Protein backbone atom coordinates (compact mmCIF):
# COMPACT_ATOMS: atom_id res chain seq x y z
CA MET A 1 -81.51 -106.98 172.78
CA LEU A 2 -81.38 -103.41 171.49
CA GLY A 3 -78.37 -102.38 173.62
CA LEU A 4 -76.51 -105.40 171.98
CA VAL A 5 -77.27 -104.60 168.55
CA THR A 6 -76.64 -100.91 169.16
CA LEU A 7 -73.36 -101.92 170.69
CA ALA A 8 -72.08 -104.10 167.86
CA ALA A 9 -72.73 -101.10 165.24
CA THR A 10 -70.37 -98.83 167.14
CA VAL A 11 -67.75 -101.32 167.42
CA LEU A 12 -67.99 -101.98 163.40
CA LEU A 13 -68.03 -98.26 162.39
CA SER A 14 -64.76 -97.72 164.53
CA CYS A 15 -63.21 -100.48 162.86
CA GLN A 16 -63.98 -99.20 159.68
CA GLY A 17 -62.88 -95.54 160.52
CA ALA A 18 -59.31 -97.18 161.74
CA LYS A 19 -58.85 -98.83 158.61
CA ASN A 20 -59.57 -95.82 156.38
CA SER A 21 -57.16 -93.83 158.27
CA GLU A 22 -54.27 -96.03 157.67
CA GLY A 23 -53.48 -94.93 154.29
CA PRO A 24 -52.30 -96.93 151.05
CA PRO A 25 -50.24 -99.97 151.96
CA GLN A 26 -46.28 -99.33 152.49
CA GLY A 27 -44.41 -99.34 149.24
CA LYS A 28 -47.18 -98.63 146.92
CA THR A 29 -47.44 -94.82 145.33
CA PRO A 30 -50.93 -93.53 145.63
CA PRO A 31 -52.64 -93.22 142.07
CA GLN A 32 -52.02 -89.98 140.32
CA SER A 33 -54.93 -87.64 138.99
CA LYS A 34 -55.73 -88.24 135.14
CA GLY A 35 -53.65 -85.95 133.56
CA ALA A 36 -50.44 -85.28 135.47
CA GLY A 37 -47.05 -86.09 134.20
CA ALA A 38 -43.47 -84.98 133.33
CA PRO A 39 -43.29 -81.33 133.34
CA THR A 40 -43.96 -79.06 129.98
CA LEU A 41 -40.66 -77.90 128.16
CA PRO A 42 -40.32 -74.73 127.62
CA ALA A 43 -40.73 -73.32 123.90
CA ALA A 44 -37.72 -72.93 121.88
CA ASN A 45 -36.89 -70.24 119.58
CA VAL A 46 -36.18 -71.53 116.04
CA ALA A 47 -35.67 -71.12 112.57
CA VAL A 48 -37.19 -73.28 109.64
CA GLU A 49 -37.00 -73.73 106.16
CA SER A 50 -38.83 -76.20 103.61
CA ALA A 51 -37.46 -79.26 102.39
CA HIS A 52 -37.04 -78.81 98.56
CA ARG A 53 -35.84 -80.78 95.45
CA GLY A 54 -33.16 -79.46 93.68
CA SER A 55 -29.55 -80.51 92.20
CA ILE A 56 -26.19 -81.01 94.14
CA ALA A 57 -23.20 -82.18 93.16
CA SER A 58 -20.18 -84.27 95.15
CA TYR A 59 -16.52 -82.77 94.81
CA TYR A 60 -13.20 -83.78 95.01
CA SER A 61 -11.24 -81.43 97.09
CA ALA A 62 -7.08 -80.91 97.32
CA THR A 63 -4.72 -78.38 97.67
CA ALA A 64 -2.41 -76.89 94.54
CA THR A 65 0.11 -74.66 93.70
CA LEU A 66 -0.40 -72.10 91.11
CA GLU A 67 1.78 -71.82 88.32
CA ALA A 68 2.99 -69.66 84.96
CA GLN A 69 1.80 -71.27 81.82
CA LYS A 70 5.18 -70.77 80.55
CA GLN A 71 8.36 -70.21 82.28
CA ALA A 72 11.97 -69.65 80.98
CA GLN A 73 15.75 -68.60 82.38
CA ILE A 74 17.47 -66.59 79.52
CA LEU A 75 20.90 -67.29 79.38
CA ALA A 76 23.47 -65.58 78.08
CA ARG A 77 24.93 -67.05 74.73
CA VAL A 78 28.19 -64.80 74.05
CA GLN A 79 30.46 -63.75 76.19
CA GLY A 80 31.04 -60.02 77.02
CA VAL A 81 30.18 -56.86 79.07
CA VAL A 82 26.48 -55.46 79.88
CA GLU A 83 26.18 -52.05 78.26
CA SER A 84 22.58 -51.81 78.76
CA LEU A 85 19.43 -52.85 80.50
CA LYS A 86 16.04 -52.44 78.94
CA CYS A 87 13.88 -53.73 81.43
CA GLU A 88 13.42 -54.46 85.38
CA GLU A 89 11.77 -57.08 87.38
CA GLY A 90 7.85 -56.54 86.99
CA ASP A 91 7.75 -55.21 83.61
CA ARG A 92 5.60 -56.62 80.89
CA VAL A 93 7.40 -57.39 77.92
CA LYS A 94 6.53 -58.51 74.54
CA ALA A 95 8.00 -61.55 72.36
CA ASP A 96 11.07 -60.42 70.72
CA GLN A 97 11.67 -57.77 72.42
CA VAL A 98 15.24 -56.50 73.73
CA LEU A 99 16.15 -56.96 77.39
CA MET A 100 19.58 -55.88 77.47
CA GLU A 101 22.60 -55.41 75.27
CA ILE A 102 25.97 -56.74 75.18
CA ASP A 103 29.13 -54.70 74.32
CA ASN A 104 28.94 -55.71 70.43
CA ASN A 105 32.48 -54.39 69.11
CA GLU A 106 34.43 -57.61 69.04
CA TYR A 107 31.62 -59.21 67.48
CA LEU A 108 31.36 -56.55 64.60
CA TYR A 109 34.62 -56.78 64.01
CA ARG A 110 34.71 -60.80 63.63
CA LEU A 111 32.10 -60.26 61.35
CA ARG A 112 33.50 -57.60 58.97
CA GLU A 113 36.43 -60.23 59.08
CA ALA A 114 34.60 -63.38 58.23
CA GLU A 115 32.57 -61.02 55.29
CA ALA A 116 36.19 -59.89 54.09
CA ASN A 117 37.21 -63.54 54.01
CA ARG A 118 33.79 -64.63 51.82
CA ALA A 119 34.61 -61.91 49.40
CA LYS A 120 38.02 -62.76 48.80
CA LEU A 121 37.02 -66.39 48.57
CA GLU A 122 33.87 -65.82 46.26
CA SER A 123 36.28 -63.82 43.93
CA ASN A 124 38.65 -66.68 43.79
CA PHE A 125 36.00 -69.24 43.01
CA ASP A 126 34.21 -67.17 40.18
CA ARG A 127 37.57 -66.97 38.41
CA LEU A 128 38.51 -70.54 38.72
CA LYS A 129 35.11 -71.21 37.42
CA ASN A 130 35.62 -69.58 34.19
CA MET A 131 38.86 -71.22 34.03
CA VAL A 132 37.77 -74.46 34.65
CA ASP A 133 35.14 -74.06 31.86
CA GLN A 134 38.15 -73.24 29.25
CA HIS A 135 40.09 -76.08 30.83
CA LEU A 136 42.94 -74.00 32.32
CA VAL A 137 42.81 -75.29 35.80
CA SER A 138 41.81 -78.74 37.31
CA VAL A 139 38.60 -79.67 38.41
CA GLU A 140 40.24 -80.54 42.13
CA GLU A 141 41.66 -76.76 42.36
CA PHE A 142 37.84 -75.75 41.62
CA GLU A 143 36.52 -78.11 43.91
CA THR A 144 39.01 -76.89 46.65
CA ALA A 145 37.73 -73.39 45.92
CA LYS A 146 34.31 -74.30 45.93
CA SER A 147 34.57 -75.61 49.42
CA ASP A 148 36.62 -72.61 50.86
CA LEU A 149 33.66 -70.70 49.77
CA ALA A 150 31.23 -72.53 51.64
CA SER A 151 33.29 -72.50 54.66
CA ALA A 152 33.87 -68.63 54.57
CA LYS A 153 30.28 -68.01 54.00
CA ALA A 154 29.58 -70.35 57.39
CA GLN A 155 31.84 -68.50 59.10
CA GLU A 156 30.09 -65.14 58.33
CA ASP A 157 26.72 -66.47 59.32
CA LEU A 158 28.22 -67.61 62.22
CA ALA A 159 29.89 -64.15 63.28
CA ARG A 160 26.28 -62.57 62.11
CA LEU A 161 24.29 -64.95 64.62
CA ASN A 162 27.12 -64.20 67.59
CA LEU A 163 26.53 -60.33 66.97
CA SER A 164 22.46 -60.79 66.97
CA TYR A 165 23.18 -62.34 70.50
CA THR A 166 24.62 -59.24 71.78
CA LYS A 167 21.18 -58.09 72.04
CA VAL A 168 19.00 -60.45 74.25
CA ARG A 169 15.69 -60.76 73.53
CA ALA A 170 12.47 -62.15 75.34
CA PRO A 171 11.37 -65.48 73.61
CA PHE A 172 7.70 -65.11 74.47
CA ALA A 173 5.64 -62.61 75.87
CA GLY A 174 5.23 -62.26 79.38
CA ASP A 175 6.51 -60.86 82.90
CA VAL A 176 10.03 -60.59 83.79
CA ILE A 177 10.21 -62.22 87.30
CA GLN A 178 13.95 -61.93 87.76
CA ARG A 179 16.94 -59.59 86.88
CA SER A 180 20.38 -61.65 87.60
CA ILE A 181 22.96 -59.20 86.24
CA GLU A 182 24.33 -55.56 86.88
CA LEU A 183 25.22 -53.00 84.43
CA GLY A 184 28.66 -53.22 83.69
CA GLN A 185 29.12 -56.90 84.31
CA THR A 186 30.73 -59.29 82.48
CA VAL A 187 28.99 -62.25 81.39
CA ASN A 188 29.97 -65.76 80.27
CA VAL A 189 27.90 -67.90 77.94
CA GLY A 190 25.20 -69.62 80.15
CA THR A 191 25.36 -66.81 82.84
CA PRO A 192 21.59 -66.56 83.95
CA LEU A 193 20.28 -63.31 82.72
CA PHE A 194 16.37 -62.83 83.51
CA THR A 195 14.14 -65.20 84.07
CA ILE A 196 10.50 -64.97 82.40
CA ALA A 197 7.07 -66.08 83.14
CA ASP A 198 3.70 -66.23 81.01
CA PHE A 199 0.97 -65.68 83.64
CA HIS A 200 -1.99 -66.09 81.34
CA PRO A 201 -3.53 -68.47 81.98
CA MET A 202 -2.38 -69.69 85.16
CA LEU A 203 -2.04 -73.57 85.63
CA ALA A 204 -3.04 -75.59 88.41
CA LYS A 205 -1.71 -79.23 88.83
CA LEU A 206 -3.53 -81.73 90.68
CA HIS A 207 -3.01 -85.32 91.33
CA VAL A 208 -6.69 -87.08 91.53
CA PRO A 209 -7.24 -90.54 93.25
CA ALA A 210 -7.71 -93.35 90.15
CA ARG A 211 -11.03 -93.76 91.12
CA GLU A 212 -12.43 -90.48 90.53
CA PHE A 213 -10.78 -91.02 86.80
CA ARG A 214 -14.17 -91.87 85.20
CA ASN A 215 -15.85 -88.74 86.64
CA LEU A 216 -13.45 -86.38 84.95
CA SER A 217 -13.57 -84.85 81.68
CA VAL A 218 -11.64 -81.90 79.65
CA GLN A 219 -13.17 -78.62 80.17
CA GLN A 220 -15.02 -79.57 83.31
CA PRO A 221 -15.39 -76.32 85.59
CA VAL A 222 -13.35 -76.22 88.74
CA GLU A 223 -13.58 -73.99 91.70
CA LEU A 224 -10.35 -72.58 93.68
CA THR A 225 -10.13 -70.64 96.80
CA LEU A 226 -6.83 -68.59 97.40
CA ASP A 227 -5.08 -69.21 100.72
CA SER A 228 -3.44 -66.18 100.80
CA ASP A 229 -6.60 -63.90 100.46
CA GLY A 230 -9.77 -66.10 99.95
CA LEU A 231 -10.01 -64.78 96.58
CA LYS A 232 -12.20 -67.40 94.57
CA LEU A 233 -11.22 -68.40 90.98
CA GLN A 234 -13.19 -70.31 88.36
CA GLY A 235 -11.01 -72.74 85.92
CA HIS A 236 -11.76 -75.55 84.00
CA ILE A 237 -9.63 -78.86 83.06
CA THR A 238 -7.53 -79.22 80.20
CA LEU A 239 -5.24 -82.04 80.42
CA ILE A 240 -5.99 -85.25 82.06
CA SER A 241 -2.96 -87.90 82.22
CA PRO A 242 -3.47 -91.12 80.05
CA VAL A 243 -1.60 -93.07 82.64
CA ILE A 244 -1.96 -93.77 86.59
CA ASP A 245 0.72 -93.04 88.77
CA ALA A 246 1.68 -96.71 89.99
CA THR A 247 3.18 -95.24 93.35
CA THR A 248 0.60 -92.89 94.36
CA GLY A 249 -2.32 -94.37 92.65
CA THR A 250 -3.16 -90.89 91.19
CA ILE A 251 -4.03 -89.22 87.94
CA LYS A 252 -2.47 -85.72 87.46
CA VAL A 253 -4.69 -83.33 85.94
CA THR A 254 -4.30 -79.95 84.64
CA ILE A 255 -6.35 -77.21 85.51
CA GLU A 256 -6.35 -73.85 83.58
CA ILE A 257 -7.59 -70.50 85.19
CA ASP A 258 -7.81 -67.71 82.07
CA LYS A 259 -9.31 -64.90 84.42
CA PHE A 260 -7.72 -63.25 87.61
CA PRO A 261 -6.97 -60.23 89.17
CA ARG A 262 -3.33 -58.87 88.46
CA GLN A 263 -2.44 -59.49 92.46
CA VAL A 264 -2.16 -63.07 91.52
CA ARG A 265 0.93 -64.93 91.30
CA PRO A 266 2.16 -68.08 91.01
CA GLY A 267 3.23 -70.09 94.02
CA ASP A 268 0.18 -69.02 95.70
CA PHE A 269 -1.38 -72.08 97.46
CA ALA A 270 -5.20 -72.72 96.41
CA GLN A 271 -8.00 -74.99 97.67
CA VAL A 272 -9.26 -76.55 94.51
CA ARG A 273 -12.72 -78.13 94.40
CA VAL A 274 -13.40 -80.74 91.18
CA GLN A 275 -17.04 -81.64 90.72
CA THR A 276 -17.16 -85.73 90.20
CA GLN A 277 -20.80 -86.24 90.57
CA ARG A 278 -24.11 -84.46 89.96
CA ARG A 279 -27.43 -85.69 91.39
CA GLU A 280 -30.81 -83.76 89.84
CA GLY A 281 -34.10 -84.13 91.69
CA ASN A 282 -33.17 -85.23 95.52
CA VAL A 283 -34.88 -83.80 98.60
CA LEU A 284 -31.97 -80.91 99.88
CA VAL A 285 -32.31 -79.42 103.32
CA ALA A 286 -30.02 -76.32 104.64
CA ARG A 287 -26.56 -78.00 105.66
CA ALA A 288 -27.27 -76.62 109.02
CA ALA A 289 -30.12 -78.46 109.92
CA VAL A 290 -28.08 -81.70 109.88
CA VAL A 291 -26.90 -82.39 113.45
CA ASN A 292 -25.08 -85.40 114.81
CA GLU A 293 -26.26 -86.71 118.13
CA LYS A 294 -24.65 -90.23 119.35
CA GLY A 295 -23.37 -91.08 116.17
CA GLU A 296 -26.62 -90.46 114.12
CA ASP A 297 -27.51 -87.64 111.31
CA VAL A 298 -30.49 -86.07 112.93
CA VAL A 299 -32.80 -83.32 111.42
CA TYR A 300 -35.63 -81.79 113.69
CA VAL A 301 -38.63 -81.46 111.85
CA ALA A 302 -41.69 -78.69 112.77
CA VAL A 303 -44.97 -80.44 113.20
CA ASP A 304 -47.65 -78.36 114.46
CA SER A 305 -45.57 -76.12 116.46
CA LEU A 306 -43.78 -79.34 118.22
CA ALA A 307 -40.18 -80.35 117.49
CA GLU A 308 -40.00 -83.72 115.91
CA ARG A 309 -36.90 -85.78 115.95
CA ARG A 310 -35.81 -87.80 112.34
CA VAL A 311 -32.96 -89.59 111.96
CA VAL A 312 -31.92 -89.29 108.29
CA GLU A 313 -29.40 -90.76 105.78
CA VAL A 314 -27.44 -87.98 104.48
CA GLY A 315 -26.03 -88.30 100.55
CA PHE A 316 -24.12 -85.15 99.00
CA GLU A 317 -23.22 -82.27 100.71
CA ASP A 318 -21.71 -78.84 99.72
CA ASP A 319 -21.35 -75.25 101.06
CA ASP A 320 -24.90 -74.52 101.77
CA SER A 321 -26.99 -77.95 101.39
CA ALA A 322 -27.21 -81.46 102.14
CA GLU A 323 -29.02 -84.10 100.16
CA ILE A 324 -31.43 -86.18 102.21
CA LEU A 325 -31.92 -89.65 101.00
CA SER A 326 -34.45 -90.70 103.94
CA GLY A 327 -36.05 -89.10 106.70
CA VAL A 328 -37.35 -85.88 105.18
CA GLN A 329 -40.01 -85.51 102.75
CA ASP A 330 -40.29 -82.74 100.36
CA GLY A 331 -41.88 -79.40 101.71
CA GLU A 332 -41.73 -80.56 105.39
CA LYS A 333 -40.09 -77.64 107.64
CA VAL A 334 -36.62 -78.18 108.80
CA VAL A 335 -35.43 -76.38 111.90
CA VAL A 336 -32.09 -74.51 110.83
CA LYS A 337 -31.15 -72.67 113.82
CA GLY A 338 -31.73 -73.37 117.30
CA GLN A 339 -31.65 -77.18 116.75
CA GLY A 340 -28.91 -77.85 118.65
CA ASN A 341 -30.51 -78.43 122.08
CA LEU A 342 -33.88 -79.08 121.18
CA LYS A 343 -35.69 -82.26 122.94
CA PRO A 344 -38.62 -84.19 120.67
CA ALA A 345 -42.08 -82.85 120.97
CA GLN A 346 -40.58 -79.40 122.54
CA PRO A 347 -42.96 -76.42 121.68
CA LEU A 348 -41.48 -74.49 119.35
CA HIS A 349 -41.55 -70.34 118.65
CA ILE A 350 -40.83 -70.47 114.92
CA ILE A 351 -39.34 -67.46 113.18
CA GLU A 352 -41.03 -67.25 109.75
CA ASP A 353 -39.37 -65.87 106.83
CA ASP A 354 -41.83 -62.79 106.65
CA GLY A 355 -41.15 -61.96 110.09
CA VAL A 356 -44.05 -64.00 111.52
CA THR A 357 -43.75 -65.79 114.81
CA LEU A 358 -45.99 -68.67 115.07
CA VAL A 359 -46.19 -70.04 119.02
CA PRO A 360 -47.21 -73.21 120.28
CA GLN A 361 -51.01 -73.94 120.04
CA ASN A 362 -53.32 -72.68 122.62
CA GLU A 363 -55.87 -74.47 124.87
CA SER A 364 -58.42 -74.54 121.15
CA GLY A 365 -55.74 -75.90 119.56
CA ARG A 366 -55.21 -73.12 116.96
CA SER A 367 -51.90 -71.89 116.63
CA GLN A 368 -51.75 -68.02 117.45
CA LYS A 369 -49.63 -65.72 115.59
CA ARG A 370 -47.69 -62.40 116.53
CA SER A 371 -45.35 -60.15 114.94
CA SER A 372 -41.50 -60.65 115.65
CA SER A 373 -40.86 -56.76 115.43
């Protein structure tokens, strides 16, 4: 009896051992130990800035050509030979300054002839006036002498005017931008002589979409950047057309630039930015902080030295800042450098403005600091 019991126990133990050695059932993964998971992401070196409240504006941008405020082509008003040139291209001239002279001998002779004729008719008129008072000549004869004298005076004035045209004068102060004649050249009435432009102030003309009309006003500031050398200029709106161009749906806006270096010239292209709206007191972040991921505007925020991905709604943007309408709060630390390859919950090495690097939390849960130098 004892032998049978011993044999049964031996068989039972053998079966249990065999069962334990078989391993887990086919197709199932043995349970993981607690705490096992995906591998830890490496810490990323980033720079951060605090989101803050401030003002930001929207702009309408376009390209315009700089123009002189006044420009005129000066034409010859009498015929003759160019006797002298008083200025050259690039010269600054004053209003009424003599630019050139045409040989005036012929016009002097015509003036003397007209003066002599006027003097003769004037003497005859005075004689007839005394006679008509004594009824020695008819009234008709006296009126004819009076008319002849008036015509002679007009001819004298015309001769004097033509003589003055032999000295060609600047109609306004400005710069000579073109000389079209040479010394000794014969010119006729209407021959182009010079082109003069007044560069002060300089003008730029924009055609702004009609939808922006209510956002524009006279004296509104304007920013300009020259295409030629990147020079930045400041201007202001002086004129806004009262009508909308039916063909283009735009409004002509004239911008005046009062101060600019001597090298700025009409004809240069400029990128123009006109402020159309301004918002105050909204949350702003550095424009570089906003990245686009699969069609979403995303900002990474440093929370306990870990990257937190936020989908944000962006409002106005300028060269430096972006307005955040939702997704980031005032004072939060936003990643501005190194966010291109960040992953959510990735540890961060945060380079602060004071040169201190914050490294991810240690096992005690406290952030460690070390100098970045």
